[in-house]
Amino acid sequence: MGLFDDLFKKKGIPKKMNILGKEVEINADAMVFSQRGLENYQQQNYSGAVTDFTKAINAQPSNQNFYTMRGTAYEDMGNDTEAAKDFSKTLELHPGDFVAAYRLGMVYFRKKDFENAVKWLKVAFDNSPDADLSHIGIGNNNILFIHKKIISGNLGNFLTQLKRFEEGFKYLDEAIRIDPQYANPYMAKGMAYAQMGKPKDGIPYLKKAMQLGNTQAGMALKMLEQLAQENDNSESEELELDFVFHSSDHLRYENGRHVSGPHGGAPRAVKVEANISGNEGYTVTMFNTDGGQAVVQMAPKQMKLIGADSEKIQLKGYGRDQMGASFADYGLTIFHDDGNIEKCVLHMYDRGVDIEYLR
């Protein structure tokens, strides 16, 4: 166990002891019973541990640690009702006890009561030590210790279950900061993005969780990849574009290098509408509107959606015109802010030319 190994077998037990920064009164009989309880607990004899921890409590009812120990044994027996009573007693005696708060929160989690689970895990997080205590024999599985990364990771996960995503991500990111090799918060964050309808954003986190050994990440990753594909298909099928963008001027780029413009006024109009040939996708036509007259400058090009997000919509030509020229030599990127078009960029891939039409 580490923390209490051989501690109470020594002669000359002191009257007080500092444990995890808390001054604890020492009762010799209680210490002997608690040591026996710990030994039974280590051997997974949980009913025997409960018996011994009860004797320790009877000998020294003011020691909150004994209630936490017995509550943990009850918890491992599957008796959450008695476990909750003991963790609550610990917190009555010591409101800042982070282990009892964490374990009480997990009892509520198993009851699917996420509100109370979050409440107690926040108490645990706020009171848990930041330092690594392994050098004094306290590891992740100690009966009186829970690592802060575990508290933070579960707290973040529970908050996302309540759809409090921004707050949940704060704790998940903290768990990752504490231990970048801890797989669980990556898994939780990936699944949270799926809940948010953003499977693409969640995929990198599930890949990381899988890389770190989370056995459930592989199946979840396949699910998110499928959802992302379905979303792409849905966007492709449902996005309706029918507008004319009036441009006051434009810039010309060749192979990424700015070569001309602005011109001090060169009005143009970009028209995007449902495919006039009746095929899938759209028709894109360019007009010169100088002098108030609309003259076709680029003949209609057949295009389809290849990507869309909160900032831009990307179209690319497909098929050929009646003369056999490939529409795939053309593309259009529409930059927008909440649906308001900011600019359009016409791509002429075969020539390495981009023309940026400004508002």
Protein backbone atom coordinates (compact mmCIF):
# COMPACT_ATOMS: atom_id res chain seq x y z
CA MET A 1 0.00 0.00 0.00
CA GLY A 2 2.94 2.33 0.59
CA LEU A 3 1.62 4.99 2.96
CA PHE A 4 0.93 2.73 5.95
CA ASP A 5 3.23 -0.23 5.21
CA ASP A 6 4.81 -1.28 8.53
CA LEU A 7 3.99 2.13 9.95
CA PHE A 8 1.93 0.88 12.88
CA LYS A 9 4.00 -2.22 13.56
CA LYS A 10 6.78 -0.10 14.99
CA LYS A 11 7.14 0.48 18.72
CA GLY A 12 6.60 3.85 20.29
CA ILE A 13 3.61 5.05 18.32
CA PRO A 14 3.36 8.88 18.65
CA LYS A 15 0.26 10.64 19.96
CA LYS A 16 -0.05 12.76 16.80
CA MET A 17 1.07 12.33 13.22
CA ASN A 18 1.06 14.51 10.10
CA ILE A 19 -0.53 12.68 7.17
CA LEU A 20 -0.81 14.52 3.84
CA GLY A 21 -0.54 17.84 5.66
CA LYS A 22 -3.20 16.99 8.27
CA GLU A 23 -2.50 16.64 11.98
CA VAL A 24 -4.04 13.33 13.05
CA GLU A 25 -4.38 12.10 16.63
CA ILE A 26 -3.03 8.60 17.08
CA ASN A 27 -4.89 5.92 19.00
CA ALA A 28 -2.80 2.78 19.35
CA ASP A 29 -5.74 0.34 19.22
CA ALA A 30 -7.28 2.16 16.26
CA MET A 31 -3.98 2.06 14.42
CA VAL A 32 -3.62 -1.68 14.92
CA PHE A 33 -7.17 -2.31 13.68
CA SER A 34 -6.69 -0.01 10.68
CA GLN A 35 -3.43 -1.77 9.75
CA ARG A 36 -5.22 -5.11 9.82
CA GLY A 37 -7.97 -3.58 7.69
CA LEU A 38 -5.41 -2.35 5.17
CA GLU A 39 -3.83 -5.80 4.99
CA ASN A 40 -7.24 -7.37 4.35
CA TYR A 41 -8.00 -4.70 1.78
CA GLN A 42 -4.75 -5.41 -0.07
CA GLN A 43 -5.71 -9.08 -0.17
CA GLN A 44 -9.16 -8.09 -1.56
CA ASN A 45 -10.83 -9.43 1.59
CA TYR A 46 -13.19 -6.47 1.64
CA SER A 47 -15.65 -7.81 4.20
CA GLY A 48 -12.73 -8.47 6.59
CA ALA A 49 -11.44 -4.97 5.90
CA VAL A 50 -14.85 -3.49 6.74
CA THR A 51 -14.86 -5.37 10.04
CA ASP A 52 -11.41 -4.11 11.01
CA PHE A 53 -12.03 -0.53 9.89
CA THR A 54 -15.24 -0.57 11.96
CA LYS A 55 -13.20 -1.56 15.02
CA ALA A 56 -10.79 1.29 14.26
CA ILE A 57 -13.71 3.72 14.03
CA ASN A 58 -15.12 2.48 17.35
CA ALA A 59 -11.73 3.00 18.97
CA GLN A 60 -11.27 6.47 17.48
CA PRO A 61 -14.43 7.89 15.86
CA SER A 62 -12.83 11.32 15.34
CA ASN A 63 -10.35 10.05 12.72
CA GLN A 64 -11.94 10.78 9.33
CA ASN A 65 -9.47 8.54 7.48
CA PHE A 66 -11.02 5.39 8.92
CA TYR A 67 -14.41 6.29 7.39
CA THR A 68 -12.74 6.86 4.00
CA MET A 69 -11.01 3.48 4.29
CA ARG A 70 -14.19 1.64 5.22
CA GLY A 71 -16.17 3.50 2.57
CA THR A 72 -13.63 2.44 -0.06
CA ALA A 73 -13.93 -1.19 1.05
CA TYR A 74 -17.74 -0.91 0.84
CA GLU A 75 -17.35 0.66 -2.59
CA ASP A 76 -15.24 -2.25 -3.83
CA MET A 77 -17.86 -4.65 -2.47
CA GLY A 78 -20.47 -2.86 -4.59
CA ASN A 79 -22.28 -1.42 -1.58
CA ASP A 80 -22.57 2.22 -2.66
CA THR A 81 -25.22 3.02 -0.03
CA GLU A 82 -22.89 2.33 2.91
CA ALA A 83 -19.93 3.77 1.02
CA ALA A 84 -21.74 7.08 0.53
CA LYS A 85 -22.56 7.24 4.26
CA ASP A 86 -18.89 6.81 5.17
CA PHE A 87 -17.60 9.34 2.61
CA SER A 88 -20.21 11.83 3.81
CA LYS A 89 -19.05 11.28 7.41
CA THR A 90 -15.46 11.96 6.39
CA LEU A 91 -16.53 15.20 4.74
CA GLU A 92 -18.55 16.15 7.82
CA LEU A 93 -15.39 15.80 9.90
CA HIS A 94 -13.08 17.27 7.25
CA PRO A 95 -14.92 19.18 4.46
CA GLY A 96 -11.79 19.47 2.34
CA ASP A 97 -10.98 15.77 2.20
CA PHE A 98 -10.33 15.32 -1.53
CA VAL A 99 -10.32 11.51 -1.53
CA ALA A 100 -13.72 11.21 0.18
CA ALA A 101 -15.12 13.96 -2.08
CA TYR A 102 -13.86 12.16 -5.18
CA ARG A 103 -15.21 8.79 -4.10
CA LEU A 104 -18.59 10.30 -3.14
CA GLY A 105 -18.72 11.94 -6.56
CA MET A 106 -18.07 8.58 -8.21
CA VAL A 107 -20.96 7.05 -6.23
CA TYR A 108 -23.23 9.71 -7.73
CA PHE A 109 -21.75 9.03 -11.17
CA ARG A 110 -22.73 5.38 -10.91
CA LYS A 111 -26.25 6.56 -10.10
CA LYS A 112 -26.14 8.68 -13.30
CA ASP A 113 -26.48 11.80 -11.14
CA PHE A 114 -23.94 13.91 -13.01
CA GLU A 115 -24.83 17.17 -11.24
CA ASN A 116 -23.83 15.82 -7.82
CA ALA A 117 -20.91 13.93 -9.34
CA VAL A 118 -19.58 17.23 -10.71
CA LYS A 119 -20.26 19.00 -7.40
CA TRP A 120 -18.09 16.60 -5.39
CA LEU A 121 -15.37 16.17 -7.98
CA LYS A 122 -14.94 19.95 -7.97
CA VAL A 123 -14.41 19.77 -4.21
CA ALA A 124 -11.88 17.00 -4.79
CA PHE A 125 -10.07 18.92 -7.54
CA ASP A 126 -9.86 22.15 -5.53
CA ASN A 127 -8.38 20.34 -2.51
CA SER A 128 -6.15 17.73 -4.16
CA PRO A 129 -2.36 18.21 -4.02
CA ASP A 130 -0.55 19.23 -7.18
CA ALA A 131 2.68 17.50 -6.21
CA ASP A 132 3.74 13.99 -7.20
CA LEU A 133 3.69 12.01 -3.93
CA SER A 134 5.09 8.73 -5.27
CA HIS A 135 8.39 9.37 -3.50
CA ILE A 136 6.68 8.78 -0.14
CA GLY A 137 4.96 5.61 -1.26
CA ILE A 138 1.69 7.12 -2.44
CA GLY A 139 0.69 5.82 -5.84
CA ASN A 140 -2.43 6.03 -7.98
CA ASN A 141 -4.12 3.08 -6.23
CA ASN A 142 -3.52 4.08 -2.62
CA ILE A 143 -6.65 3.86 -0.45
CA LEU A 144 -6.08 7.42 0.77
CA PHE A 145 -4.91 9.01 -2.47
CA ILE A 146 -6.34 9.83 -5.90
CA HIS A 147 -4.10 11.44 -8.50
CA LYS A 148 -5.20 14.92 -9.58
CA LYS A 149 -5.09 13.95 -13.26
CA ILE A 150 -7.76 11.29 -12.62
CA ILE A 151 -9.97 13.75 -10.75
CA SER A 152 -9.55 16.35 -13.48
CA GLY A 153 -10.15 13.87 -16.29
CA ASN A 154 -13.34 12.46 -14.79
CA LEU A 155 -14.61 15.91 -13.86
CA GLY A 156 -14.11 17.11 -17.42
CA ASN A 157 -15.83 14.01 -18.76
CA PHE A 158 -18.87 14.43 -16.50
CA LEU A 159 -19.21 18.10 -17.47
CA THR A 160 -19.31 17.16 -21.15
CA GLN A 161 -22.02 14.61 -20.33
CA LEU A 162 -24.00 17.59 -19.05
CA LYS A 163 -23.18 19.38 -22.33
CA ARG A 164 -21.11 21.97 -20.47
CA PHE A 165 -18.41 21.52 -23.07
CA GLU A 166 -16.31 24.64 -22.60
CA GLU A 167 -16.02 24.05 -18.85
CA GLY A 168 -15.41 20.34 -19.37
CA PHE A 169 -12.60 20.96 -21.86
CA LYS A 170 -10.84 23.12 -19.26
CA TYR A 171 -10.53 20.14 -16.91
CA LEU A 172 -9.72 17.65 -19.67
CA ASP A 173 -6.93 19.92 -20.89
CA GLU A 174 -5.66 20.20 -17.32
CA ALA A 175 -5.51 16.40 -17.03
CA ILE A 176 -3.54 16.29 -20.29
CA ARG A 177 -1.22 19.02 -19.00
CA ILE A 178 -0.55 17.09 -15.80
CA ASP A 179 0.22 13.90 -17.71
CA PRO A 180 0.38 14.07 -21.54
CA GLN A 181 0.63 10.26 -21.63
CA TYR A 182 -2.72 9.77 -19.85
CA ALA A 183 -5.11 8.39 -22.47
CA ASN A 184 -8.51 8.92 -20.83
CA PRO A 185 -8.89 12.72 -21.25
CA TYR A 186 -8.04 12.43 -24.96
CA MET A 187 -10.78 9.80 -25.28
CA ALA A 188 -13.30 11.94 -23.38
CA LYS A 189 -12.52 15.04 -25.42
CA GLY A 190 -12.86 13.15 -28.70
CA MET A 191 -16.27 11.81 -27.71
CA ALA A 192 -17.35 15.26 -26.51
CA TYR A 193 -16.70 16.65 -29.98
CA ALA A 194 -18.91 13.87 -31.34
CA GLN A 195 -21.70 15.03 -28.98
CA MET A 196 -21.19 18.56 -30.28
CA GLY A 197 -21.71 17.40 -33.86
CA LYS A 198 -18.03 17.99 -34.70
CA PRO A 199 -16.66 14.50 -35.31
CA LYS A 200 -13.76 15.78 -37.42
CA ASP A 201 -12.47 17.79 -34.45
CA GLY A 202 -12.67 14.72 -32.23
CA ILE A 203 -10.76 12.34 -34.52
CA PRO A 204 -7.21 13.54 -33.56
CA TYR A 205 -7.98 13.06 -29.85
CA LEU A 206 -9.22 9.51 -30.40
CA LYS A 207 -6.14 8.71 -32.47
CA LYS A 208 -3.98 9.94 -29.58
CA ALA A 209 -6.00 7.91 -27.05
CA MET A 210 -5.58 4.80 -29.21
CA GLN A 211 -1.84 5.48 -29.52
CA LEU A 212 -1.63 5.67 -25.70
CA GLY A 213 -3.36 2.32 -25.30
CA ASN A 214 -7.05 3.10 -24.69
CA THR A 215 -8.72 -0.13 -25.78
CA GLN A 216 -12.05 1.55 -26.65
CA ALA A 217 -10.57 4.29 -28.80
CA GLY A 218 -10.28 2.19 -31.97
CA MET A 219 -13.98 1.42 -32.19
CA ALA A 220 -14.91 4.99 -31.28
CA LEU A 221 -12.52 6.31 -33.93
CA LYS A 222 -14.24 4.28 -36.63
CA MET A 223 -17.58 5.67 -35.48
CA LEU A 224 -16.35 9.28 -35.64
CA GLU A 225 -14.78 8.77 -39.05
CA GLN A 226 -18.10 7.42 -40.32
CA LEU A 227 -19.99 10.35 -38.78
CA ALA A 228 -17.55 12.80 -40.37
CA GLN A 229 -18.07 11.18 -43.76
CA GLU A 230 -21.85 11.27 -43.34
CA ASN A 231 -21.64 14.95 -42.39
CA ASP A 232 -19.58 15.68 -45.50
CA ASN A 233 -22.10 13.87 -47.67
CA SER A 234 -24.98 15.65 -45.94
CA GLU A 235 -23.36 19.04 -46.48
CA SER A 236 -22.71 18.18 -50.08
CA GLU A 237 -26.33 17.19 -50.63
CA GLU A 238 -28.09 19.90 -48.63
CA LEU A 239 -26.03 23.10 -49.11
CA GLU A 240 -28.05 25.45 -51.30
CA LEU A 241 -26.10 28.20 -53.05
CA ASP A 242 -27.89 30.84 -55.09
CA PHE A 243 -26.36 34.32 -55.02
CA VAL A 244 -24.59 37.07 -56.94
CA PHE A 245 -21.50 38.57 -55.28
CA HIS A 246 -20.71 42.09 -56.50
CA SER A 247 -16.99 42.83 -56.35
CA SER A 248 -15.54 46.36 -56.45
CA ASP A 249 -12.00 45.29 -57.34
CA HIS A 250 -9.73 42.26 -57.57
CA LEU A 251 -6.18 41.00 -57.06
CA ARG A 252 -4.35 38.57 -59.33
CA TYR A 253 -1.90 35.92 -58.09
CA GLU A 254 0.28 33.67 -60.25
CA ASN A 255 1.75 30.61 -58.53
CA GLY A 256 1.01 32.27 -55.20
CA ARG A 257 2.73 35.57 -56.11
CA HIS A 258 0.77 38.82 -56.22
CA VAL A 259 1.20 40.26 -59.74
CA SER A 260 -1.54 42.90 -60.11
CA GLY A 261 -4.37 44.82 -58.45
CA PRO A 262 -6.13 46.48 -56.94
CA HIS A 263 -7.03 48.53 -59.98
CA GLY A 264 -8.78 51.47 -58.40
CA GLY A 265 -12.16 50.10 -59.34
CA ALA A 266 -12.87 47.09 -61.53
CA PRO A 267 -16.44 45.94 -60.84
CA ARG A 268 -17.22 42.29 -61.40
CA ALA A 269 -20.04 39.93 -60.41
CA VAL A 270 -19.73 36.27 -59.40
CA LYS A 271 -22.94 34.31 -59.87
CA VAL A 272 -23.43 30.92 -58.19
CA GLU A 273 -26.67 29.01 -58.78
CA ALA A 274 -28.06 25.50 -59.01
CA ASN A 275 -26.55 23.59 -61.92
CA ILE A 276 -28.24 24.98 -65.06
CA SER A 277 -27.61 21.65 -66.82
CA GLY A 278 -29.66 19.75 -64.26
CA ASN A 279 -26.64 17.84 -62.94
CA GLU A 280 -25.50 17.79 -59.33
CA GLY A 281 -23.75 20.80 -57.88
CA TYR A 282 -23.71 24.35 -59.16
CA THR A 283 -23.00 26.65 -62.05
CA VAL A 284 -20.49 29.50 -61.59
CA THR A 285 -20.47 32.42 -64.04
CA MET A 286 -18.32 35.58 -64.02
CA PHE A 287 -19.52 38.97 -65.31
CA ASN A 288 -17.79 42.27 -66.03
CA THR A 289 -20.16 44.94 -64.71
CA ASP A 290 -18.08 48.01 -65.59
CA GLY A 291 -20.29 50.83 -66.80
CA GLY A 292 -23.38 49.24 -65.33
CA GLN A 293 -23.63 46.59 -68.03
CA ALA A 294 -23.27 42.87 -67.21
CA VAL A 295 -21.09 41.17 -69.81
CA VAL A 296 -20.11 37.51 -69.44
CA GLN A 297 -16.37 37.39 -68.72
CA MET A 298 -16.12 33.69 -67.82
CA ALA A 299 -18.53 31.26 -69.38
CA PRO A 300 -20.60 29.11 -67.00
CA LYS A 301 -18.57 26.43 -65.23
CA GLN A 302 -20.08 23.31 -63.64
CA MET A 303 -18.80 22.77 -60.07
CA LYS A 304 -19.56 20.71 -56.99
CA LEU A 305 -18.96 21.15 -53.28
CA ILE A 306 -15.66 19.73 -51.95
CA GLY A 307 -15.57 21.36 -48.52
CA ALA A 308 -17.42 23.71 -46.20
CA ASP A 309 -16.81 25.08 -42.72
CA SER A 310 -17.64 28.16 -40.66
CA GLU A 311 -15.27 30.36 -42.73
CA LYS A 312 -15.31 29.16 -46.33
CA ILE A 313 -17.08 27.06 -48.96
CA GLN A 314 -14.97 25.31 -51.59
CA LEU A 315 -16.22 24.38 -55.07
CA LYS A 316 -14.32 22.54 -57.79
CA GLY A 317 -15.22 21.99 -61.43
CA TYR A 318 -16.06 18.56 -62.77
CA GLY A 319 -16.95 17.14 -66.15
CA ARG A 320 -16.40 18.87 -69.51
CA ASP A 321 -18.09 21.51 -71.63
CA GLN A 322 -19.49 20.92 -75.14
CA MET A 323 -16.07 21.60 -76.69
CA GLY A 324 -14.38 19.02 -74.43
CA ALA A 325 -12.64 21.54 -72.15
CA SER A 326 -12.31 20.31 -68.56
CA PHE A 327 -14.26 22.14 -65.87
CA ALA A 328 -11.80 20.60 -63.37
CA ASP A 329 -9.33 23.32 -64.35
CA TYR A 330 -11.48 25.76 -62.32
CA GLY A 331 -12.52 26.19 -58.73
CA LEU A 332 -14.08 28.80 -56.47
CA THR A 333 -13.57 29.51 -52.76
CA ILE A 334 -16.27 31.59 -51.08
CA PHE A 335 -15.13 33.25 -47.84
CA HIS A 336 -17.96 34.21 -45.51
CA ASP A 337 -18.71 35.41 -41.98
CA ASP A 338 -21.96 33.96 -40.62
CA GLY A 339 -23.28 33.65 -44.17
CA ASN A 340 -22.19 37.15 -45.27
CA ILE A 341 -19.81 36.81 -48.21
CA GLU A 342 -16.51 38.63 -47.66
CA LYS A 343 -14.72 37.70 -50.88
CA CYS A 344 -14.53 35.06 -53.62
CA VAL A 345 -11.38 33.55 -55.09
CA LEU A 346 -11.48 32.06 -58.58
CA HIS A 347 -8.87 29.33 -59.13
CA MET A 348 -7.54 28.50 -62.58
CA TYR A 349 -5.56 25.42 -61.70
CA ASP A 350 -4.14 24.73 -65.17
CA ARG A 351 -2.47 28.17 -65.20
CA GLY A 352 -1.60 28.48 -61.53
CA VAL A 353 -3.71 31.63 -61.32
CA ASP A 354 -5.93 32.83 -58.46
CA ILE A 355 -8.09 35.94 -58.78
CA GLU A 356 -9.35 37.37 -55.50
CA TYR A 357 -12.57 39.32 -55.88
CA LEU A 358 -13.01 41.88 -53.10
CA ARG A 359 -16.20 43.27 -51.62
